Amino acid sequence: MTNTPEEDKGLAHSLGEFFGHVIKGIKTDPSQVAKRVRTEEEPRETPQGTVIVRRTIIEEVRIEPRQNANDVNEKPRAD
């Protein structure tokens, strides 16, 4: 049985990888736009021959800055 690279990782390597992800999360600026691009290709048979259908999906997450930090805790006033 052959080992895959995932199985060859030692404890020290796994811990280093884990803390690397945590540190990257701490250092990353949350106000930046998160963007993920995914491309899918699907071959389809037609009478003229094989055609490749390609889909590109772009997902964005934008976090707008708050106007005031107290806005979240304030309740609407009934006048």
PDB file of N, CA and C in Angstrom:
ATOM      1  N   MET A   1       0.837  -1.172   0.000  1.00  0.00           N
ATOM      2  CA  MET A   1       0.000   0.000   0.000  1.00  0.00           C
ATOM      3  C   MET A   1       0.883   1.237   0.000  1.00  0.00           C
ATOM      4  N   THR A   2       0.621   2.164  -0.892  1.00  0.00           N
ATOM      5  CA  THR A   2       1.415   3.388  -0.955  1.00  0.00           C
ATOM      6  C   THR A   2       0.723   4.489  -0.181  1.00  0.00           C
ATOM      7  N   ASN A   3       1.531   5.328   0.440  1.00  0.00           N
ATOM      8  CA  ASN A   3       0.997   6.446   1.213  1.00  0.00           C
ATOM      9  C   ASN A   3       0.867   7.675   0.329  1.00  0.00           C
ATOM     10  N   THR A   4      -0.227   8.382   0.501  1.00  0.00           N
ATOM     11  CA  THR A   4      -0.400   9.651  -0.202  1.00  0.00           C
ATOM     12  C   THR A   4       0.331  10.729   0.580  1.00  0.00           C
ATOM     13  N   PRO A   5       0.607  11.874  -0.023  1.00  0.00           N
ATOM     14  CA  PRO A   5       1.288  12.943   0.700  1.00  0.00           C
ATOM     15  C   PRO A   5       0.547  13.367   1.968  1.00  0.00           C
ATOM     16  N   GLU A   6      -0.790  13.287   1.977  1.00  0.00           N
ATOM     17  CA  GLU A   6      -1.548  13.646   3.175  1.00  0.00           C
ATOM     18  C   GLU A   6      -1.211  12.700   4.335  1.00  0.00           C
ATOM     19  N   GLU A   7      -1.006  11.417   4.043  1.00  0.00           N
ATOM     20  CA  GLU A   7      -0.717  10.441   5.084  1.00  0.00           C
ATOM     21  C   GLU A   7       0.713  10.549   5.586  1.00  0.00           C
ATOM     22  N   ASP A   8       1.620  11.155   4.799  1.00  0.00           N
ATOM     23  CA  ASP A   8       3.020  11.255   5.188  1.00  0.00           C
ATOM     24  C   ASP A   8       3.293  12.421   6.133  1.00  0.00           C
ATOM     25  N   LYS A   9       2.317  13.296   6.358  1.00  0.00           N
ATOM     26  CA  LYS A   9       2.523  14.448   7.226  1.00  0.00           C
ATOM     27  C   LYS A   9       2.708  13.984   8.667  1.00  0.00           C
ATOM     28  N   GLY A  10       3.681  14.569   9.314  1.00  0.00           N
ATOM     29  CA  GLY A  10       3.882  14.274  10.717  1.00  0.00           C
ATOM     30  C   GLY A  10       3.088  15.244  11.578  1.00  0.00           C
ATOM     31  N   LEU A  11       3.135  15.022  12.872  1.00  0.00           N
ATOM     32  CA  LEU A  11       2.423  15.877  13.804  1.00  0.00           C
ATOM     33  C   LEU A  11       2.949  17.301  13.751  1.00  0.00           C
ATOM     34  N   ALA A  12       4.264  17.475  13.709  1.00  0.00           N
ATOM     35  CA  ALA A  12       4.850  18.812  13.671  1.00  0.00           C
ATOM     36  C   ALA A  12       4.430  19.560  12.405  1.00  0.00           C
ATOM     37  N   HIS A  13       4.411  18.865  11.284  1.00  0.00           N
ATOM     38  CA  HIS A  13       3.995  19.492  10.026  1.00  0.00           C
ATOM     39  C   HIS A  13       2.528  19.919  10.094  1.00  0.00           C
ATOM     40  N   SER A  14       1.674  19.058  10.616  1.00  0.00           N
ATOM     41  CA  SER A  14       0.249  19.370  10.727  1.00  0.00           C
ATOM     42  C   SER A  14       0.009  20.550  11.658  1.00  0.00           C
ATOM     43  N   LEU A  15       0.713  20.600  12.778  1.00  0.00           N
ATOM     44  CA  LEU A  15       0.575  21.732  13.702  1.00  0.00           C
ATOM     45  C   LEU A  15       1.073  23.025  13.068  1.00  0.00           C
ATOM     46  N   GLY A  16       2.178  22.961  12.352  1.00  0.00           N
ATOM     47  CA  GLY A  16       2.695  24.143  11.669  1.00  0.00           C
ATOM     48  C   GLY A  16       1.727  24.650  10.622  1.00  0.00           C
ATOM     49  N   GLU A  17       1.120  23.734   9.891  1.00  0.00           N
ATOM     50  CA  GLU A  17       0.139  24.113   8.879  1.00  0.00           C
ATOM     51  C   GLU A  17      -1.080  24.759   9.535  1.00  0.00           C
ATOM     52  N   PHE A  18      -1.545  24.192  10.637  1.00  0.00           N
ATOM     53  CA  PHE A  18      -2.697  24.729  11.362  1.00  0.00           C
ATOM     54  C   PHE A  18      -2.416  26.148  11.849  1.00  0.00           C
ATOM     55  N   PHE A  19      -1.294  26.345  12.530  1.00  0.00           N
ATOM     56  CA  PHE A  19      -0.983  27.671  13.057  1.00  0.00           C
ATOM     57  C   PHE A  19      -0.682  28.660  11.929  1.00  0.00           C
ATOM     58  N   GLY A  20      -0.186  28.190  10.815  1.00  0.00           N
ATOM     59  CA  GLY A  20       0.009  29.063   9.662  1.00  0.00           C
ATOM     60  C   GLY A  20      -1.311  29.621   9.159  1.00  0.00           C
ATOM     61  N   HIS A  21      -2.338  28.781   9.119  1.00  0.00           N
ATOM     62  CA  HIS A  21      -3.664  29.234   8.698  1.00  0.00           C
ATOM     63  C   HIS A  21      -4.237  30.234   9.706  1.00  0.00           C
ATOM     64  N   VAL A  22      -4.028  29.972  11.000  1.00  0.00           N
ATOM     65  CA  VAL A  22      -4.533  30.882  12.029  1.00  0.00           C
ATOM     66  C   VAL A  22      -3.848  32.240  11.912  1.00  0.00           C
ATOM     67  N   ILE A  23      -2.533  32.255  11.743  1.00  0.00           N
ATOM     68  CA  ILE A  23      -1.790  33.518  11.628  1.00  0.00           C
ATOM     69  C   ILE A  23      -2.209  34.267  10.362  1.00  0.00           C
ATOM     70  N   LYS A  24      -2.421  33.559   9.273  1.00  0.00           N
ATOM     71  CA  LYS A  24      -2.871  34.211   8.042  1.00  0.00           C
ATOM     72  C   LYS A  24      -4.227  34.878   8.262  1.00  0.00           C
ATOM     73  N   GLY A  25      -5.120  34.216   8.995  1.00  0.00           N
ATOM     74  CA  GLY A  25      -6.427  34.796   9.301  1.00  0.00           C
ATOM     75  C   GLY A  25      -6.324  36.039  10.157  1.00  0.00           C
ATOM     76  N   ILE A  26      -5.372  36.060  11.073  1.00  0.00           N
ATOM     77  CA  ILE A  26      -5.180  37.229  11.934  1.00  0.00           C
ATOM     78  C   ILE A  26      -4.616  38.391  11.140  1.00  0.00           C
ATOM     79  N   LYS A  27      -3.700  38.128  10.228  1.00  0.00           N
ATOM     80  CA  LYS A  27      -3.039  39.188   9.458  1.00  0.00           C
ATOM     81  C   LYS A  27      -3.883  39.723   8.302  1.00  0.00           C
ATOM     82  N   THR A  28      -4.887  38.958   7.857  1.00  0.00           N
ATOM     83  CA  THR A  28      -5.676  39.351   6.697  1.00  0.00           C
ATOM     84  C   THR A  28      -6.600  40.512   7.041  1.00  0.00           C
ATOM     85  N   ASP A  29      -6.661  41.499   6.164  1.00  0.00           N
ATOM     86  CA  ASP A  29      -7.520  42.663   6.340  1.00  0.00           C
ATOM     87  C   ASP A  29      -8.952  42.286   5.957  1.00  0.00           C
ATOM     88  N   PRO A  30      -9.898  42.289   6.907  1.00  0.00           N
ATOM     89  CA  PRO A  30     -11.263  41.872   6.588  1.00  0.00           C
ATOM     90  C   PRO A  30     -12.022  42.868   5.728  1.00  0.00           C
ATOM     91  N   SER A  31     -11.500  44.087   5.583  1.00  0.00           N
ATOM     92  CA  SER A  31     -12.209  45.080   4.774  1.00  0.00           C
ATOM     93  C   SER A  31     -11.980  44.874   3.285  1.00  0.00           C
ATOM     94  N   GLN A  32     -11.041  44.025   2.921  1.00  0.00           N
ATOM     95  CA  GLN A  32     -10.806  43.743   1.508  1.00  0.00           C
ATOM     96  C   GLN A  32     -11.917  42.851   0.967  1.00  0.00           C
ATOM     97  N   VAL A  33     -12.121  42.928  -0.324  1.00  0.00           N
ATOM     98  CA  VAL A  33     -13.149  42.120  -0.970  1.00  0.00           C
ATOM     99  C   VAL A  33     -12.641  40.691  -1.118  1.00  0.00           C
ATOM    100  N   ALA A  34     -13.447  39.744  -0.655  1.00  0.00           N
ATOM    101  CA  ALA A  34     -13.108  38.335  -0.832  1.00  0.00           C
ATOM    102  C   ALA A  34     -13.669  37.897  -2.181  1.00  0.00           C
ATOM    103  N   LYS A  35     -12.820  37.328  -3.009  1.00  0.00           N
ATOM    104  CA  LYS A  35     -13.232  36.961  -4.367  1.00  0.00           C
ATOM    105  C   LYS A  35     -12.751  35.552  -4.667  1.00  0.00           C
ATOM    106  N   ARG A  36     -13.657  34.755  -5.198  1.00  0.00           N
ATOM    107  CA  ARG A  36     -13.326  33.387  -5.574  1.00  0.00           C
ATOM    108  C   ARG A  36     -13.787  33.171  -7.009  1.00  0.00           C
ATOM    109  N   VAL A  37     -12.904  32.653  -7.844  1.00  0.00           N
ATOM    110  CA  VAL A  37     -13.235  32.381  -9.243  1.00  0.00           C
ATOM    111  C   VAL A  37     -13.128  30.878  -9.470  1.00  0.00           C
ATOM    112  N   ARG A  38     -14.182  30.310 -10.024  1.00  0.00           N
ATOM    113  CA  ARG A  38     -14.193  28.879 -10.298  1.00  0.00           C
ATOM    114  C   ARG A  38     -14.569  28.682 -11.762  1.00  0.00           C
ATOM    115  N   THR A  39     -13.808  27.870 -12.467  1.00  0.00           N
ATOM    116  CA  THR A  39     -14.081  27.585 -13.870  1.00  0.00           C
ATOM    117  C   THR A  39     -14.376  26.094 -14.020  1.00  0.00           C
ATOM    118  N   GLU A  40     -15.479  25.815 -14.711  1.00  0.00           N
ATOM    119  CA  GLU A  40     -15.854  24.431 -14.979  1.00  0.00           C
ATOM    120  C   GLU A  40     -15.888  24.218 -16.478  1.00  0.00           C
ATOM    121  N   GLU A  41     -15.365  23.103 -16.930  1.00  0.00           N
ATOM    122  CA  GLU A  41     -15.398  22.744 -18.348  1.00  0.00           C
ATOM    123  C   GLU A  41     -16.123  21.421 -18.507  1.00  0.00           C
ATOM    124  N   GLU A  42     -16.971  21.356 -19.530  1.00  0.00           N
ATOM    125  CA  GLU A  42     -17.748  20.147 -19.777  1.00  0.00           C
ATOM    126  C   GLU A  42     -17.779  19.868 -21.276  1.00  0.00           C
ATOM    127  N   PRO A  43     -17.195  18.749 -21.721  1.00  0.00           N
ATOM    128  CA  PRO A  43     -17.261  18.415 -23.152  1.00  0.00           C
ATOM    129  C   PRO A  43     -18.643  17.877 -23.512  1.00  0.00           C
ATOM    130  N   ARG A  44     -19.165  18.329 -24.642  1.00  0.00           N
ATOM    131  CA  ARG A  44     -20.463  17.852 -25.137  1.00  0.00           C
ATOM    132  C   ARG A  44     -20.317  17.437 -26.594  1.00  0.00           C
ATOM    133  N   GLU A  45     -21.000  16.378 -26.926  1.00  0.00           N
ATOM    134  CA  GLU A  45     -20.975  15.879 -28.303  1.00  0.00           C
ATOM    135  C   GLU A  45     -22.076  16.568 -29.111  1.00  0.00           C
ATOM    136  N   THR A  46     -21.719  17.052 -30.287  1.00  0.00           N
ATOM    137  CA  THR A  46     -22.670  17.652 -31.217  1.00  0.00           C
ATOM    138  C   THR A  46     -22.481  16.980 -32.573  1.00  0.00           C
ATOM    139  N   PRO A  47     -23.398  17.200 -33.502  1.00  0.00           N
ATOM    140  CA  PRO A  47     -23.219  16.618 -34.841  1.00  0.00           C
ATOM    141  C   PRO A  47     -21.938  17.110 -35.524  1.00  0.00           C
ATOM    142  N   GLN A  48     -21.454  18.311 -35.155  1.00  0.00           N
ATOM    143  CA  GLN A  48     -20.236  18.850 -35.761  1.00  0.00           C
ATOM    144  C   GLN A  48     -18.968  18.355 -35.048  1.00  0.00           C
ATOM    145  N   GLY A  49     -19.118  17.695 -33.920  1.00  0.00           N
ATOM    146  CA  GLY A  49     -17.967  17.205 -33.171  1.00  0.00           C
ATOM    147  C   GLY A  49     -18.084  17.592 -31.698  1.00  0.00           C
ATOM    148  N   THR A  50     -17.021  17.410 -30.983  1.00  0.00           N
ATOM    149  CA  THR A  50     -17.015  17.718 -29.551  1.00  0.00           C
ATOM    150  C   THR A  50     -16.888  19.216 -29.336  1.00  0.00           C
ATOM    151  N   VAL A  51     -17.733  19.738 -28.456  1.00  0.00           N
ATOM    152  CA  VAL A  51     -17.709  21.155 -28.071  1.00  0.00           C
ATOM    153  C   VAL A  51     -17.469  21.209 -26.571  1.00  0.00           C
ATOM    154  N   ILE A  52     -16.606  22.121 -26.124  1.00  0.00           N
ATOM    155  CA  ILE A  52     -16.343  22.281 -24.702  1.00  0.00           C
ATOM    156  C   ILE A  52     -17.125  23.489 -24.201  1.00  0.00           C
ATOM    157  N   VAL A  53     -17.996  23.247 -23.217  1.00  0.00           N
ATOM    158  CA  VAL A  53     -18.769  24.310 -22.593  1.00  0.00           C
ATOM    159  C   VAL A  53     -18.011  24.724 -21.335  1.00  0.00           C
ATOM    160  N   ARG A  54     -17.700  26.011 -21.226  1.00  0.00           N
ATOM    161  CA  ARG A  54     -16.921  26.511 -20.093  1.00  0.00           C
ATOM    162  C   ARG A  54     -17.767  27.520 -19.325  1.00  0.00           C
ATOM    163  N   ARG A  55     -17.869  27.316 -18.009  1.00  0.00           N
ATOM    164  CA  ARG A  55     -18.572  28.236 -17.125  1.00  0.00           C
ATOM    165  C   ARG A  55     -17.559  28.848 -16.170  1.00  0.00           C
ATOM    166  N   THR A  56     -17.620  30.157 -16.029  1.00  0.00           N
ATOM    167  CA  THR A  56     -16.774  30.843 -15.056  1.00  0.00           C
ATOM    168  C   THR A  56     -17.689  31.497 -14.036  1.00  0.00           C
ATOM    169  N   ILE A  57     -17.518  31.121 -12.778  1.00  0.00           N
ATOM    170  CA  ILE A  57     -18.355  31.622 -11.698  1.00  0.00           C
ATOM    171  C   ILE A  57     -17.482  32.492 -10.800  1.00  0.00           C
ATOM    172  N   ILE A  58     -17.911  33.740 -10.583  1.00  0.00           N
ATOM    173  CA  ILE A  58     -17.177  34.670  -9.727  1.00  0.00           C
ATOM    174  C   ILE A  58     -18.042  34.963  -8.513  1.00  0.00           C
ATOM    175  N   GLU A  59     -17.519  34.670  -7.329  1.00  0.00           N
ATOM    176  CA  GLU A  59     -18.233  34.951  -6.088  1.00  0.00           C
ATOM    177  C   GLU A  59     -17.473  36.031  -5.339  1.00  0.00           C
ATOM    178  N   GLU A  60     -18.165  37.065  -4.928  1.00  0.00           N
ATOM    179  CA  GLU A  60     -17.558  38.156  -4.180  1.00  0.00           C
ATOM    180  C   GLU A  60     -18.299  38.351  -2.870  1.00  0.00           C
ATOM    181  N   VAL A  61     -17.548  38.706  -1.845  1.00  0.00           N
ATOM    182  CA  VAL A  61     -18.122  39.063  -0.558  1.00  0.00           C
ATOM    183  C   VAL A  61     -17.595  40.441  -0.205  1.00  0.00           C
ATOM    184  N   ARG A  62     -18.504  41.369  -0.003  1.00  0.00           N
ATOM    185  CA  ARG A  62     -18.116  42.731   0.378  1.00  0.00           C
ATOM    186  C   ARG A  62     -18.667  43.004   1.765  1.00  0.00           C
ATOM    187  N   ILE A  63     -17.832  43.509   2.639  1.00  0.00           N
ATOM    188  CA  ILE A  63     -18.242  43.892   3.984  1.00  0.00           C
ATOM    189  C   ILE A  63     -18.146  45.404   4.063  1.00  0.00           C
ATOM    190  N   GLU A  64     -19.306  46.040   4.181  1.00  0.00           N
ATOM    191  CA  GLU A  64     -19.330  47.492   4.262  1.00  0.00           C
ATOM    192  C   GLU A  64     -18.958  47.924   5.676  1.00  0.00           C
ATOM    193  N   PRO A  65     -18.143  48.973   5.808  1.00  0.00           N
ATOM    194  CA  PRO A  65     -17.774  49.443   7.149  1.00  0.00           C
ATOM    195  C   PRO A  65     -18.992  50.047   7.849  1.00  0.00           C
ATOM    196  N   ARG A  66     -19.026  49.897   9.165  1.00  0.00           N
ATOM    197  CA  ARG A  66     -20.123  50.461   9.948  1.00  0.00           C
ATOM    198  C   ARG A  66     -19.961  51.972  10.040  1.00  0.00           C
ATOM    199  N   GLN A  67     -21.079  52.673  10.125  1.00  0.00           N
ATOM    200  CA  GLN A  67     -21.043  54.120  10.293  1.00  0.00           C
ATOM    201  C   GLN A  67     -20.592  54.475  11.706  1.00  0.00           C
ATOM    202  N   ASN A  68     -21.127  53.734  12.684  1.00  0.00           N
ATOM    203  CA  ASN A  68     -20.806  53.993  14.075  1.00  0.00           C
ATOM    204  C   ASN A  68     -20.797  52.650  14.796  1.00  0.00           C
ATOM    205  N   ALA A  69     -19.829  52.434  15.643  1.00  0.00           N
ATOM    206  CA  ALA A  69     -19.729  51.156  16.341  1.00  0.00           C
ATOM    207  C   ALA A  69     -20.909  50.939  17.272  1.00  0.00           C
ATOM    208  N   ASN A  70     -21.570  52.003  17.751  1.00  0.00           N
ATOM    209  CA  ASN A  70     -22.700  51.869  18.663  1.00  0.00           C
ATOM    210  C   ASN A  70     -24.002  51.571  17.944  1.00  0.00           C
ATOM    211  N   ASP A  71     -24.041  51.691  16.614  1.00  0.00           N
ATOM    212  CA  ASP A  71     -25.267  51.457  15.858  1.00  0.00           C
ATOM    213  C   ASP A  71     -25.812  50.053  16.060  1.00  0.00           C
ATOM    214  N   VAL A  72     -24.953  49.095  16.285  1.00  0.00           N
ATOM    215  CA  VAL A  72     -25.383  47.704  16.422  1.00  0.00           C
ATOM    216  C   VAL A  72     -26.162  47.510  17.710  1.00  0.00           C
ATOM    217  N   ASN A  73     -25.760  48.185  18.786  1.00  0.00           N
ATOM    218  CA  ASN A  73     -26.371  47.991  20.093  1.00  0.00           C
ATOM    219  C   ASN A  73     -27.573  48.899  20.334  1.00  0.00           C
ATOM    220  N   GLU A  74     -27.766  49.922  19.524  1.00  0.00           N
ATOM    221  CA  GLU A  74     -28.876  50.848  19.733  1.00  0.00           C
ATOM    222  C   GLU A  74     -30.163  50.263  19.221  1.00  0.00           C
ATOM    223  N   LYS A  75     -31.239  50.522  19.989  1.00  0.00           N
ATOM    224  CA  LYS A  75     -32.570  50.098  19.580  1.00  0.00           C
ATOM    225  C   LYS A  75     -33.325  51.307  19.071  1.00  0.00           C
ATOM    226  N   PRO A  76     -34.234  51.112  18.120  1.00  0.00           N
ATOM    227  CA  PRO A  76     -35.005  52.258  17.631  1.00  0.00           C
ATOM    228  C   PRO A  76     -35.844  52.855  18.765  1.00  0.00           C
ATOM    229  N   ARG A  77     -35.897  54.158  18.801  1.00  0.00           N
ATOM    230  CA  ARG A  77     -36.628  54.858  19.850  1.00  0.00           C
ATOM    231  C   ARG A  77     -38.054  55.088  19.408  1.00  0.00           C
ATOM    232  N   ALA A  78     -38.973  54.810  20.305  1.00  0.00           N
ATOM    233  CA  ALA A  78     -40.380  55.093  20.039  1.00  0.00           C
ATOM    234  C   ALA A  78     -40.689  56.477  20.585  1.00  0.00           C
ATOM    235  N   ASP A  79     -40.958  57.429  19.690  1.00  0.00           N
ATOM    236  CA  ASP A  79     -41.265  58.803  20.128  1.00  0.00           C
ATOM    237  C   ASP A  79     -42.730  59.050  20.167  1.00  0.00           C
TER     238      ASP A  79
END
